Amino acid sequence: MPKDNRPTDYRATRRRNDRILLWLVVGVLIVVGTVLIGAIWGLPAAITGGLCLGGGAALILLLWGLLTLMEKFVGDE
């Protein structure tokens, strides 16, 4: 097995982990939140709650995108 002598790219690893965690948070927020609302208050409330949770998830994605854009603009690499 050949040995890889390249240095570890911790920034790329952090960015990849950040993207994975972002999508997990958004997925859990929408799916688990909608299911819990539906289990407690019923289907009409789940539909309304899911739409509101989707808006909240969109806000999280917007803020993450803004921060990512600022990070690229600053050029911290």
N, C-alpha and C. Protein backbone atom coordinates (compact mmCIF):
# COMPACT_ATOMS: atom_id res chain seq x y z
N MET A 1 0.85 -1.18 0.00
CA MET A 1 0.00 0.00 0.00
C MET A 1 0.89 1.25 0.00
N PRO A 2 0.77 2.08 -1.02
CA PRO A 2 1.63 3.27 -1.08
C PRO A 2 1.22 4.29 -0.01
N LYS A 3 2.22 4.95 0.49
CA LYS A 3 1.99 5.95 1.53
C LYS A 3 1.71 7.31 0.89
N ASP A 4 0.69 7.99 1.35
CA ASP A 4 0.33 9.30 0.82
C ASP A 4 1.02 10.36 1.67
N ASN A 5 1.89 11.15 1.05
CA ASN A 5 2.66 12.16 1.79
C ASN A 5 2.07 13.55 1.70
N ARG A 6 0.87 13.67 1.14
CA ARG A 6 0.24 14.99 1.05
C ARG A 6 -0.23 15.44 2.43
N PRO A 7 -0.14 16.73 2.72
CA PRO A 7 -0.62 17.21 4.02
C PRO A 7 -2.15 17.14 4.09
N THR A 8 -2.64 17.02 5.27
CA THR A 8 -4.09 16.96 5.48
C THR A 8 -4.68 18.35 5.30
N ASP A 9 -5.75 18.42 4.52
CA ASP A 9 -6.43 19.69 4.26
C ASP A 9 -7.58 19.83 5.25
N TYR A 10 -7.28 20.44 6.39
CA TYR A 10 -8.28 20.57 7.45
C TYR A 10 -9.41 21.53 7.06
N ARG A 11 -9.12 22.52 6.25
CA ARG A 11 -10.16 23.46 5.84
C ARG A 11 -11.20 22.79 4.94
N ALA A 12 -10.73 21.96 4.02
CA ALA A 12 -11.67 21.24 3.15
C ALA A 12 -12.50 20.26 3.96
N THR A 13 -11.87 19.62 4.92
CA THR A 13 -12.60 18.69 5.79
C THR A 13 -13.66 19.43 6.61
N ARG A 14 -13.29 20.60 7.12
CA ARG A 14 -14.24 21.39 7.91
C ARG A 14 -15.41 21.85 7.05
N ARG A 15 -15.11 22.31 5.82
CA ARG A 15 -16.19 22.75 4.93
C ARG A 15 -17.12 21.59 4.57
N ARG A 16 -16.55 20.42 4.30
CA ARG A 16 -17.38 19.25 3.98
C ARG A 16 -18.26 18.87 5.17
N ASN A 17 -17.68 18.86 6.37
CA ASN A 17 -18.46 18.54 7.56
C ASN A 17 -19.53 19.59 7.83
N ASP A 18 -19.22 20.85 7.59
CA ASP A 18 -20.21 21.92 7.77
C ASP A 18 -21.40 21.73 6.83
N ARG A 19 -21.12 21.38 5.57
CA ARG A 19 -22.23 21.15 4.61
C ARG A 19 -23.07 19.96 5.03
N ILE A 20 -22.44 18.89 5.48
CA ILE A 20 -23.19 17.71 5.92
C ILE A 20 -24.07 18.05 7.11
N LEU A 21 -23.51 18.76 8.09
CA LEU A 21 -24.29 19.14 9.28
C LEU A 21 -25.42 20.10 8.93
N LEU A 22 -25.16 21.01 7.99
CA LEU A 22 -26.21 21.93 7.57
C LEU A 22 -27.41 21.17 7.01
N TRP A 23 -27.17 20.22 6.10
CA TRP A 23 -28.26 19.47 5.50
C TRP A 23 -28.94 18.56 6.53
N LEU A 24 -28.18 18.04 7.49
CA LEU A 24 -28.81 17.25 8.55
C LEU A 24 -29.73 18.11 9.41
N VAL A 25 -29.29 19.31 9.76
CA VAL A 25 -30.11 20.21 10.57
C VAL A 25 -31.39 20.59 9.82
N VAL A 26 -31.25 20.94 8.55
CA VAL A 26 -32.43 21.32 7.76
C VAL A 26 -33.38 20.13 7.62
N GLY A 27 -32.85 18.96 7.35
CA GLY A 27 -33.69 17.77 7.21
C GLY A 27 -34.42 17.42 8.50
N VAL A 28 -33.68 17.44 9.61
CA VAL A 28 -34.32 17.12 10.89
C VAL A 28 -35.36 18.17 11.25
N LEU A 29 -35.04 19.43 11.01
CA LEU A 29 -35.99 20.50 11.31
C LEU A 29 -37.30 20.30 10.56
N ILE A 30 -37.20 20.05 9.27
CA ILE A 30 -38.42 19.93 8.47
C ILE A 30 -39.13 18.60 8.72
N VAL A 31 -38.41 17.50 8.62
CA VAL A 31 -39.06 16.18 8.71
C VAL A 31 -39.54 15.88 10.12
N VAL A 32 -38.64 15.96 11.08
CA VAL A 32 -39.02 15.61 12.46
C VAL A 32 -40.00 16.64 13.02
N GLY A 33 -39.78 17.90 12.71
CA GLY A 33 -40.71 18.92 13.19
C GLY A 33 -42.10 18.74 12.63
N THR A 34 -42.21 18.45 11.35
CA THR A 34 -43.52 18.25 10.73
C THR A 34 -44.20 17.01 11.29
N VAL A 35 -43.44 15.94 11.47
CA VAL A 35 -44.02 14.70 12.02
C VAL A 35 -44.49 14.92 13.46
N LEU A 36 -43.72 15.63 14.25
CA LEU A 36 -44.14 15.89 15.62
C LEU A 36 -45.39 16.77 15.67
N ILE A 37 -45.43 17.79 14.86
CA ILE A 37 -46.62 18.64 14.82
C ILE A 37 -47.83 17.82 14.38
N GLY A 38 -47.63 16.98 13.37
CA GLY A 38 -48.74 16.13 12.90
C GLY A 38 -49.19 15.14 13.95
N ALA A 39 -48.25 14.58 14.70
CA ALA A 39 -48.62 13.61 15.73
C ALA A 39 -49.38 14.26 16.88
N ILE A 40 -49.06 15.51 17.17
CA ILE A 40 -49.70 16.18 18.30
C ILE A 40 -51.01 16.85 17.89
N TRP A 41 -51.02 17.58 16.77
CA TRP A 41 -52.19 18.38 16.41
C TRP A 41 -52.93 17.94 15.16
N GLY A 42 -52.40 16.99 14.42
CA GLY A 42 -53.12 16.49 13.26
C GLY A 42 -52.56 17.00 11.93
N LEU A 43 -53.15 16.48 10.86
CA LEU A 43 -52.65 16.73 9.51
C LEU A 43 -52.73 18.19 9.08
N PRO A 44 -53.84 18.91 9.28
CA PRO A 44 -53.86 20.32 8.83
C PRO A 44 -52.78 21.16 9.50
N ALA A 45 -52.56 20.92 10.79
CA ALA A 45 -51.51 21.68 11.49
C ALA A 45 -50.13 21.25 11.00
N ALA A 46 -49.98 19.97 10.64
CA ALA A 46 -48.69 19.50 10.13
C ALA A 46 -48.35 20.16 8.80
N ILE A 47 -49.34 20.32 7.95
CA ILE A 47 -49.10 20.98 6.66
C ILE A 47 -48.69 22.43 6.88
N THR A 48 -49.42 23.13 7.72
CA THR A 48 -49.09 24.52 8.01
C THR A 48 -47.73 24.63 8.70
N GLY A 49 -47.50 23.77 9.67
CA GLY A 49 -46.22 23.78 10.38
C GLY A 49 -45.06 23.43 9.47
N GLY A 50 -45.27 22.48 8.56
CA GLY A 50 -44.22 22.12 7.62
C GLY A 50 -43.84 23.28 6.71
N LEU A 51 -44.85 24.04 6.29
CA LEU A 51 -44.57 25.22 5.47
C LEU A 51 -43.78 26.27 6.25
N CYS A 52 -44.16 26.46 7.50
CA CYS A 52 -43.43 27.42 8.33
C CYS A 52 -42.01 26.93 8.63
N LEU A 53 -41.86 25.65 8.91
CA LEU A 53 -40.53 25.09 9.15
C LEU A 53 -39.68 25.16 7.88
N GLY A 54 -40.31 25.01 6.73
CA GLY A 54 -39.58 25.17 5.47
C GLY A 54 -39.06 26.59 5.31
N GLY A 55 -39.87 27.56 5.72
CA GLY A 55 -39.42 28.96 5.69
C GLY A 55 -38.24 29.19 6.64
N GLY A 56 -38.32 28.59 7.81
CA GLY A 56 -37.20 28.69 8.75
C GLY A 56 -35.94 28.03 8.22
N ALA A 57 -36.11 26.89 7.56
CA ALA A 57 -34.97 26.20 6.95
C ALA A 57 -34.37 27.05 5.82
N ALA A 58 -35.23 27.71 5.06
CA ALA A 58 -34.74 28.59 3.99
C ALA A 58 -33.95 29.75 4.58
N LEU A 59 -34.38 30.27 5.72
CA LEU A 59 -33.66 31.35 6.38
C LEU A 59 -32.28 30.86 6.85
N ILE A 60 -32.23 29.65 7.40
CA ILE A 60 -30.94 29.08 7.81
C ILE A 60 -30.02 28.93 6.61
N LEU A 61 -30.56 28.43 5.49
CA LEU A 61 -29.76 28.27 4.28
C LEU A 61 -29.28 29.61 3.74
N LEU A 62 -30.13 30.63 3.82
CA LEU A 62 -29.75 31.96 3.37
C LEU A 62 -28.60 32.52 4.21
N LEU A 63 -28.70 32.37 5.52
CA LEU A 63 -27.64 32.86 6.40
C LEU A 63 -26.34 32.10 6.17
N TRP A 64 -26.44 30.79 5.99
CA TRP A 64 -25.25 29.99 5.71
C TRP A 64 -24.62 30.42 4.38
N GLY A 65 -25.43 30.67 3.39
CA GLY A 65 -24.92 31.13 2.11
C GLY A 65 -24.24 32.48 2.21
N LEU A 66 -24.83 33.37 3.00
CA LEU A 66 -24.22 34.68 3.21
C LEU A 66 -22.87 34.57 3.89
N LEU A 67 -22.79 33.74 4.92
CA LEU A 67 -21.52 33.55 5.62
C LEU A 67 -20.47 32.91 4.72
N THR A 68 -20.90 31.97 3.89
CA THR A 68 -19.97 31.33 2.97
C THR A 68 -19.46 32.35 1.95
N LEU A 69 -20.36 33.19 1.46
CA LEU A 69 -19.95 34.23 0.51
C LEU A 69 -18.98 35.21 1.14
N MET A 70 -19.24 35.59 2.39
CA MET A 70 -18.33 36.50 3.08
C MET A 70 -16.97 35.85 3.29
N GLU A 71 -16.97 34.56 3.60
CA GLU A 71 -15.72 33.85 3.80
C GLU A 71 -14.89 33.82 2.51
N LYS A 72 -15.56 33.61 1.38
CA LYS A 72 -14.86 33.62 0.10
C LYS A 72 -14.38 35.03 -0.25
N PHE A 73 -15.18 36.04 0.10
CA PHE A 73 -14.81 37.42 -0.21
C PHE A 73 -13.57 37.85 0.58
N VAL A 74 -13.51 37.44 1.84
CA VAL A 74 -12.38 37.79 2.68
C VAL A 74 -11.12 37.06 2.20
N GLY A 75 -11.30 35.85 1.66
CA GLY A 75 -10.16 35.11 1.14
C GLY A 75 -9.26 34.59 2.22
N ASP A 76 -9.82 33.86 3.14
CA ASP A 76 -9.09 33.37 4.30
C ASP A 76 -8.31 32.09 3.97
N GLU A 77 -7.82 31.97 2.76
CA GLU A 77 -7.08 30.76 2.40
C GLU A 77 -5.66 31.10 2.00
